[in-house]
Amino acid sequence: MRFAKFLRLLPGKARAAWLLDLTAIGLVKDPALSKFTGRVSDSGEGRWTIKAAIDEAVPVPVLSAALYQRFTSRGDEYWLGEGHVEKAAGHAQLLANSCRHKAPKYIAMAHKVRAEIAARRGDLAEAEKELSHGIAVLREHPAALEGWKIQAALGRLHRRAGNSEGSRLAFAEASAIIRSIAGNTSPTRCGRGS
């Protein structure tokens, strides 16, 4: 909470620059970001902003999508962390049902959740199969962050199974995805340039 308050005190450009610097430091320490889960918390400000926008009849689709993505980022991990495998499986099914809405990245993430459930149950072969299905979806419909998450999960799975070469290759792919994302981000687009 202190970090969030401190961040709000910084001007927009300084905040963007500082966050990019923190990202770079994190990538240097752990290029595969293997300890990063992808879970994003919220302080309530996004909810308040969206409620205010609704009250004023102001559309804020990007902010709404960002808030809902935060919810999506922690559903399965929360339930798995609490030991509620069946609830996590329900979350995976909700993601898989996204095919009606033509959202392949959510289908890929459903495969990742199913892989994590299989791994939790000790079925590493099923977990690898699910991750392979997620990778196949993303080959057809690339989504960088989802690809990184799945490759990092595959690296952790291989490491758990004692497959050091498979782990190294998956983490290398995850790192390549992050470098690609970072390479496509210009300082101007992030508020750092003129």
C-alpha atoms as a PDB file:
ATOM      1  CA  MET A   1       0.000   0.000   0.000  1.00  0.00           C
ATOM      2  CA  ARG A   2       2.878   2.399   0.765  1.00  0.00           C
ATOM      3  CA  PHE A   3       4.280   1.766  -2.709  1.00  0.00           C
ATOM      4  CA  ALA A   4       0.946   2.689  -4.342  1.00  0.00           C
ATOM      5  CA  LYS A   5       0.739   5.918  -2.328  1.00  0.00           C
ATOM      6  CA  PHE A   6       4.321   6.806  -3.237  1.00  0.00           C
ATOM      7  CA  LEU A   7       3.661   6.077  -6.900  1.00  0.00           C
ATOM      8  CA  ARG A   8       0.663   8.443  -6.930  1.00  0.00           C
ATOM      9  CA  LEU A   9       2.908  11.284  -5.748  1.00  0.00           C
ATOM     10  CA  LEU A  10       5.100  11.034  -8.844  1.00  0.00           C
ATOM     11  CA  PRO A  11       4.198  13.011 -11.970  1.00  0.00           C
ATOM     12  CA  GLY A  12       2.949  10.861 -14.862  1.00  0.00           C
ATOM     13  CA  LYS A  13       6.163  10.910 -16.901  1.00  0.00           C
ATOM     14  CA  ALA A  14       8.351  10.190 -13.880  1.00  0.00           C
ATOM     15  CA  ARG A  15       6.025   7.345 -12.873  1.00  0.00           C
ATOM     16  CA  ALA A  16       6.241   5.768 -16.345  1.00  0.00           C
ATOM     17  CA  ALA A  17      10.033   6.140 -16.396  1.00  0.00           C
ATOM     18  CA  TRP A  18      10.399   4.660 -12.947  1.00  0.00           C
ATOM     19  CA  LEU A  19       8.145   1.704 -13.735  1.00  0.00           C
ATOM     20  CA  LEU A  20      10.157   0.999 -16.895  1.00  0.00           C
ATOM     21  CA  ASP A  21      13.354   1.138 -14.836  1.00  0.00           C
ATOM     22  CA  LEU A  22      11.897  -1.299 -12.283  1.00  0.00           C
ATOM     23  CA  THR A  23      10.886  -3.598 -15.138  1.00  0.00           C
ATOM     24  CA  ALA A  24      14.402  -3.496 -16.574  1.00  0.00           C
ATOM     25  CA  ILE A  25      15.902  -4.263 -13.158  1.00  0.00           C
ATOM     26  CA  GLY A  26      13.518  -7.205 -12.762  1.00  0.00           C
ATOM     27  CA  LEU A  27      14.467  -8.554 -16.189  1.00  0.00           C
ATOM     28  CA  VAL A  28      18.174  -8.316 -15.406  1.00  0.00           C
ATOM     29  CA  LYS A  29      17.704 -10.224 -12.129  1.00  0.00           C
ATOM     30  CA  ASP A  30      15.432 -12.896 -13.640  1.00  0.00           C
ATOM     31  CA  PRO A  31      15.233 -12.759 -17.476  1.00  0.00           C
ATOM     32  CA  ALA A  32      12.491 -15.418 -17.609  1.00  0.00           C
ATOM     33  CA  LEU A  33      10.566 -13.706 -14.792  1.00  0.00           C
ATOM     34  CA  SER A  34      10.107 -17.243 -13.486  1.00  0.00           C
ATOM     35  CA  LYS A  35       8.954 -16.046 -10.051  1.00  0.00           C
ATOM     36  CA  PHE A  36       6.348 -13.682 -11.474  1.00  0.00           C
ATOM     37  CA  THR A  37       2.899 -15.243 -11.424  1.00  0.00           C
ATOM     38  CA  GLY A  38       0.998 -12.746 -13.543  1.00  0.00           C
ATOM     39  CA  ARG A  39      -1.369 -11.928 -10.675  1.00  0.00           C
ATOM     40  CA  VAL A  40      -2.315  -8.261 -10.493  1.00  0.00           C
ATOM     41  CA  SER A  41      -3.932  -6.808  -7.397  1.00  0.00           C
ATOM     42  CA  ASP A  42      -6.061  -3.688  -7.340  1.00  0.00           C
ATOM     43  CA  SER A  43      -6.265  -0.871  -4.819  1.00  0.00           C
ATOM     44  CA  GLY A  44      -9.886  -0.012  -5.540  1.00  0.00           C
ATOM     45  CA  GLU A  45      -9.112   3.143  -7.504  1.00  0.00           C
ATOM     46  CA  GLY A  46      -9.968   1.476 -10.808  1.00  0.00           C
ATOM     47  CA  ARG A  47     -13.325   0.362  -9.418  1.00  0.00           C
ATOM     48  CA  TRP A  48     -14.003   3.866  -8.116  1.00  0.00           C
ATOM     49  CA  THR A  49     -13.049   5.414 -11.464  1.00  0.00           C
ATOM     50  CA  ILE A  50     -15.308   3.057 -13.402  1.00  0.00           C
ATOM     51  CA  LYS A  51     -18.214   3.635 -10.994  1.00  0.00           C
ATOM     52  CA  ALA A  52     -17.755   7.401 -11.383  1.00  0.00           C
ATOM     53  CA  ALA A  53     -17.612   7.036 -15.175  1.00  0.00           C
ATOM     54  CA  ILE A  54     -20.871   5.079 -15.125  1.00  0.00           C
ATOM     55  CA  ASP A  55     -22.500   7.745 -12.943  1.00  0.00           C
ATOM     56  CA  GLU A  56     -21.391  10.422 -15.418  1.00  0.00           C
ATOM     57  CA  ALA A  57     -22.194   8.299 -18.519  1.00  0.00           C
ATOM     58  CA  VAL A  58     -18.585   8.493 -19.711  1.00  0.00           C
ATOM     59  CA  PRO A  59     -17.304   5.436 -21.579  1.00  0.00           C
ATOM     60  CA  VAL A  60     -13.969   4.119 -20.308  1.00  0.00           C
ATOM     61  CA  PRO A  61     -13.544   0.837 -22.180  1.00  0.00           C
ATOM     62  CA  VAL A  62      -9.769   0.583 -21.713  1.00  0.00           C
ATOM     63  CA  LEU A  63      -9.989   1.148 -17.955  1.00  0.00           C
ATOM     64  CA  SER A  64     -12.864  -1.329 -17.680  1.00  0.00           C
ATOM     65  CA  ALA A  65     -10.951  -3.950 -19.666  1.00  0.00           C
ATOM     66  CA  ALA A  66      -7.863  -3.401 -17.499  1.00  0.00           C
ATOM     67  CA  LEU A  67      -9.862  -3.888 -14.297  1.00  0.00           C
ATOM     68  CA  TYR A  68     -11.506  -7.043 -15.595  1.00  0.00           C
ATOM     69  CA  GLN A  69      -8.120  -8.368 -16.709  1.00  0.00           C
ATOM     70  CA  ARG A  70      -6.922  -7.894 -13.141  1.00  0.00           C
ATOM     71  CA  PHE A  71      -9.824 -10.032 -11.943  1.00  0.00           C
ATOM     72  CA  THR A  72      -9.019 -12.656 -14.579  1.00  0.00           C
ATOM     73  CA  SER A  73      -5.351 -12.667 -13.579  1.00  0.00           C
ATOM     74  CA  ARG A  74      -6.058 -13.855 -10.085  1.00  0.00           C
ATOM     75  CA  GLY A  75      -9.076 -16.137 -10.293  1.00  0.00           C
ATOM     76  CA  ASP A  76      -7.366 -19.454 -10.908  1.00  0.00           C
ATOM     77  CA  GLU A  77      -4.261 -18.625  -8.896  1.00  0.00           C
ATOM     78  CA  TYR A  78      -6.352 -17.600  -5.917  1.00  0.00           C
ATOM     79  CA  TRP A  79      -8.343 -20.816  -5.946  1.00  0.00           C
ATOM     80  CA  LEU A  80      -5.269 -22.987  -6.514  1.00  0.00           C
ATOM     81  CA  GLY A  81      -3.448 -21.156  -3.730  1.00  0.00           C
ATOM     82  CA  GLU A  82      -6.348 -21.838  -1.399  1.00  0.00           C
ATOM     83  CA  GLY A  83      -6.344 -25.509  -2.381  1.00  0.00           C
ATOM     84  CA  HIS A  84      -9.732 -25.310  -4.157  1.00  0.00           C
ATOM     85  CA  VAL A  85      -8.824 -27.219  -7.305  1.00  0.00           C
ATOM     86  CA  GLU A  86     -12.434 -27.602  -8.434  1.00  0.00           C
ATOM     87  CA  LYS A  87     -13.077 -23.859  -8.209  1.00  0.00           C
ATOM     88  CA  ALA A  88      -9.906 -23.249 -10.232  1.00  0.00           C
ATOM     89  CA  ALA A  89     -11.224 -25.774 -12.765  1.00  0.00           C
ATOM     90  CA  GLY A  90     -14.468 -23.773 -12.923  1.00  0.00           C
ATOM     91  CA  HIS A  91     -12.465 -20.651 -13.651  1.00  0.00           C
ATOM     92  CA  ALA A  92     -10.639 -22.508 -16.421  1.00  0.00           C
ATOM     93  CA  GLN A  93     -13.995 -23.500 -17.900  1.00  0.00           C
ATOM     94  CA  LEU A  94     -15.126 -19.862 -17.900  1.00  0.00           C
ATOM     95  CA  LEU A  95     -11.966 -18.941 -19.781  1.00  0.00           C
ATOM     96  CA  ALA A  96     -12.463 -21.814 -22.236  1.00  0.00           C
ATOM     97  CA  ASN A  97     -16.011 -20.648 -22.919  1.00  0.00           C
ATOM     98  CA  SER A  98     -14.505 -17.462 -24.297  1.00  0.00           C
ATOM     99  CA  CYS A  99     -14.396 -19.148 -27.696  1.00  0.00           C
ATOM    100  CA  ARG A 100     -17.958 -17.903 -28.177  1.00  0.00           C
ATOM    101  CA  HIS A 101     -16.537 -14.407 -27.913  1.00  0.00           C
ATOM    102  CA  LYS A 102     -13.605 -15.102 -30.242  1.00  0.00           C
ATOM    103  CA  ALA A 103     -11.034 -14.612 -27.505  1.00  0.00           C
ATOM    104  CA  PRO A 104      -8.331 -17.208 -28.235  1.00  0.00           C
ATOM    105  CA  LYS A 105      -5.957 -15.774 -25.634  1.00  0.00           C
ATOM    106  CA  TYR A 106      -8.451 -16.713 -22.914  1.00  0.00           C
ATOM    107  CA  ILE A 107      -8.754 -20.197 -24.365  1.00  0.00           C
ATOM    108  CA  ALA A 108      -4.955 -20.484 -24.233  1.00  0.00           C
ATOM    109  CA  MET A 109      -5.014 -19.321 -20.618  1.00  0.00           C
ATOM    110  CA  ALA A 110      -7.692 -21.924 -19.842  1.00  0.00           C
ATOM    111  CA  HIS A 111      -5.211 -24.541 -21.028  1.00  0.00           C
ATOM    112  CA  LYS A 112      -2.596 -23.017 -18.700  1.00  0.00           C
ATOM    113  CA  VAL A 113      -4.990 -23.213 -15.745  1.00  0.00           C
ATOM    114  CA  ARG A 114      -5.870 -26.808 -16.597  1.00  0.00           C
ATOM    115  CA  ALA A 115      -2.145 -27.570 -16.782  1.00  0.00           C
ATOM    116  CA  GLU A 116      -1.607 -26.075 -13.333  1.00  0.00           C
ATOM    117  CA  ILE A 117      -4.499 -28.160 -11.984  1.00  0.00           C
ATOM    118  CA  ALA A 118      -3.069 -31.322 -13.552  1.00  0.00           C
ATOM    119  CA  ALA A 119       0.368 -30.521 -12.120  1.00  0.00           C
ATOM    120  CA  ARG A 120      -1.181 -29.919  -8.699  1.00  0.00           C
ATOM    121  CA  ARG A 121      -2.746 -33.376  -8.945  1.00  0.00           C
ATOM    122  CA  GLY A 122       0.634 -34.839  -9.927  1.00  0.00           C
ATOM    123  CA  ASP A 123      -0.280 -35.582 -13.560  1.00  0.00           C
ATOM    124  CA  LEU A 124       2.706 -33.903 -15.228  1.00  0.00           C
ATOM    125  CA  ALA A 125       2.033 -35.544 -18.608  1.00  0.00           C
ATOM    126  CA  GLU A 126      -1.480 -34.061 -18.705  1.00  0.00           C
ATOM    127  CA  ALA A 127      -0.081 -30.697 -17.593  1.00  0.00           C
ATOM    128  CA  GLU A 128       2.418 -30.720 -20.460  1.00  0.00           C
ATOM    129  CA  LYS A 129      -0.337 -31.691 -22.904  1.00  0.00           C
ATOM    130  CA  GLU A 130      -2.504 -28.759 -21.776  1.00  0.00           C
ATOM    131  CA  LEU A 131       0.392 -26.314 -22.108  1.00  0.00           C
ATOM    132  CA  SER A 132       1.094 -27.663 -25.602  1.00  0.00           C
ATOM    133  CA  HIS A 133      -2.543 -27.021 -26.535  1.00  0.00           C
ATOM    134  CA  GLY A 134      -2.229 -23.460 -25.200  1.00  0.00           C
ATOM    135  CA  ILE A 135       0.928 -22.909 -27.252  1.00  0.00           C
ATOM    136  CA  ALA A 136      -0.867 -24.229 -30.350  1.00  0.00           C
ATOM    137  CA  VAL A 137      -3.719 -21.742 -29.846  1.00  0.00           C
ATOM    138  CA  LEU A 138      -1.218 -18.898 -29.550  1.00  0.00           C
ATOM    139  CA  ARG A 139       0.581 -19.965 -32.732  1.00  0.00           C
ATOM    140  CA  GLU A 140      -2.676 -19.326 -34.589  1.00  0.00           C
ATOM    141  CA  HIS A 141      -3.567 -16.187 -32.596  1.00  0.00           C
ATOM    142  CA  PRO A 142      -0.405 -14.654 -31.092  1.00  0.00           C
ATOM    143  CA  ALA A 143      -0.745 -12.904 -27.737  1.00  0.00           C
ATOM    144  CA  ALA A 144       2.647 -12.074 -26.266  1.00  0.00           C
ATOM    145  CA  LEU A 145       1.861 -11.896 -22.558  1.00  0.00           C
ATOM    146  CA  GLU A 146      -0.139 -15.097 -22.648  1.00  0.00           C
ATOM    147  CA  GLY A 147       2.670 -16.786 -24.608  1.00  0.00           C
ATOM    148  CA  TRP A 148       5.169 -15.676 -21.986  1.00  0.00           C
ATOM    149  CA  LYS A 149       2.968 -17.003 -19.162  1.00  0.00           C
ATOM    150  CA  ILE A 150       2.542 -20.376 -20.842  1.00  0.00           C
ATOM    151  CA  GLN A 151       6.245 -20.728 -21.692  1.00  0.00           C
ATOM    152  CA  ALA A 152       7.201 -19.811 -18.114  1.00  0.00           C
ATOM    153  CA  ALA A 153       4.694 -22.381 -16.801  1.00  0.00           C
ATOM    154  CA  LEU A 154       6.192 -24.959 -19.172  1.00  0.00           C
ATOM    155  CA  GLY A 155       9.669 -24.112 -17.876  1.00  0.00           C
ATOM    156  CA  ARG A 156       8.524 -24.612 -14.271  1.00  0.00           C
ATOM    157  CA  LEU A 157       6.825 -27.879 -15.226  1.00  0.00           C
ATOM    158  CA  HIS A 158       9.949 -29.218 -16.941  1.00  0.00           C
ATOM    159  CA  ARG A 159      12.077 -28.154 -13.968  1.00  0.00           C
ATOM    160  CA  ARG A 160       9.712 -30.004 -11.625  1.00  0.00           C
ATOM    161  CA  ALA A 161       9.918 -33.101 -13.840  1.00  0.00           C
ATOM    162  CA  GLY A 162      13.738 -32.946 -13.813  1.00  0.00           C
ATOM    163  CA  ASN A 163      13.954 -32.048 -17.516  1.00  0.00           C
ATOM    164  CA  SER A 164      16.621 -29.350 -17.316  1.00  0.00           C
ATOM    165  CA  GLU A 165      16.981 -28.996 -21.107  1.00  0.00           C
ATOM    166  CA  GLY A 166      13.215 -28.615 -21.602  1.00  0.00           C
ATOM    167  CA  SER A 167      13.125 -26.130 -18.738  1.00  0.00           C
ATOM    168  CA  ARG A 168      16.007 -24.121 -20.209  1.00  0.00           C
ATOM    169  CA  LEU A 169      14.364 -24.012 -23.643  1.00  0.00           C
ATOM    170  CA  ALA A 170      10.975 -22.946 -22.292  1.00  0.00           C
ATOM    171  CA  PHE A 171      12.495 -20.235 -20.084  1.00  0.00           C
ATOM    172  CA  ALA A 172      14.598 -19.065 -23.046  1.00  0.00           C
ATOM    173  CA  GLU A 173      11.408 -18.749 -25.118  1.00  0.00           C
ATOM    174  CA  ALA A 174       9.707 -16.852 -22.273  1.00  0.00           C
ATOM    175  CA  SER A 175      12.706 -14.504 -22.100  1.00  0.00           C
ATOM    176  CA  ALA A 176      12.631 -13.977 -25.871  1.00  0.00           C
ATOM    177  CA  ILE A 177       8.965 -13.008 -25.679  1.00  0.00           C
ATOM    178  CA  ILE A 178       9.661 -10.459 -22.926  1.00  0.00           C
ATOM    179  CA  ARG A 179      12.599  -9.014 -24.894  1.00  0.00           C
ATOM    180  CA  SER A 180      10.334  -8.720 -27.926  1.00  0.00           C
ATOM    181  CA  ILE A 181       7.693  -6.896 -25.894  1.00  0.00           C
ATOM    182  CA  ALA A 182      10.326  -4.580 -24.420  1.00  0.00           C
ATOM    183  CA  GLY A 183      11.803  -3.976 -27.883  1.00  0.00           C
ATOM    184  CA  ASN A 184       8.427  -2.874 -29.207  1.00  0.00           C
ATOM    185  CA  THR A 185       7.883  -0.335 -26.444  1.00  0.00           C
ATOM    186  CA  SER A 186       9.174   3.126 -27.198  1.00  0.00           C
ATOM    187  CA  PRO A 187       9.866   5.739 -24.517  1.00  0.00           C
ATOM    188  CA  THR A 188       7.506   8.148 -26.280  1.00  0.00           C
ATOM    189  CA  ARG A 189       4.598   5.694 -26.132  1.00  0.00           C
ATOM    190  CA  CYS A 190       5.277   5.155 -22.440  1.00  0.00           C
ATOM    191  CA  GLY A 191       5.343   8.857 -21.609  1.00  0.00           C
ATOM    192  CA  ARG A 192       9.135   9.137 -21.368  1.00  0.00           C
ATOM    193  CA  GLY A 193       9.940  10.972 -24.571  1.00  0.00           C
ATOM    194  CA  SER A 194       8.818  14.074 -26.339  1.00  0.00           C
END
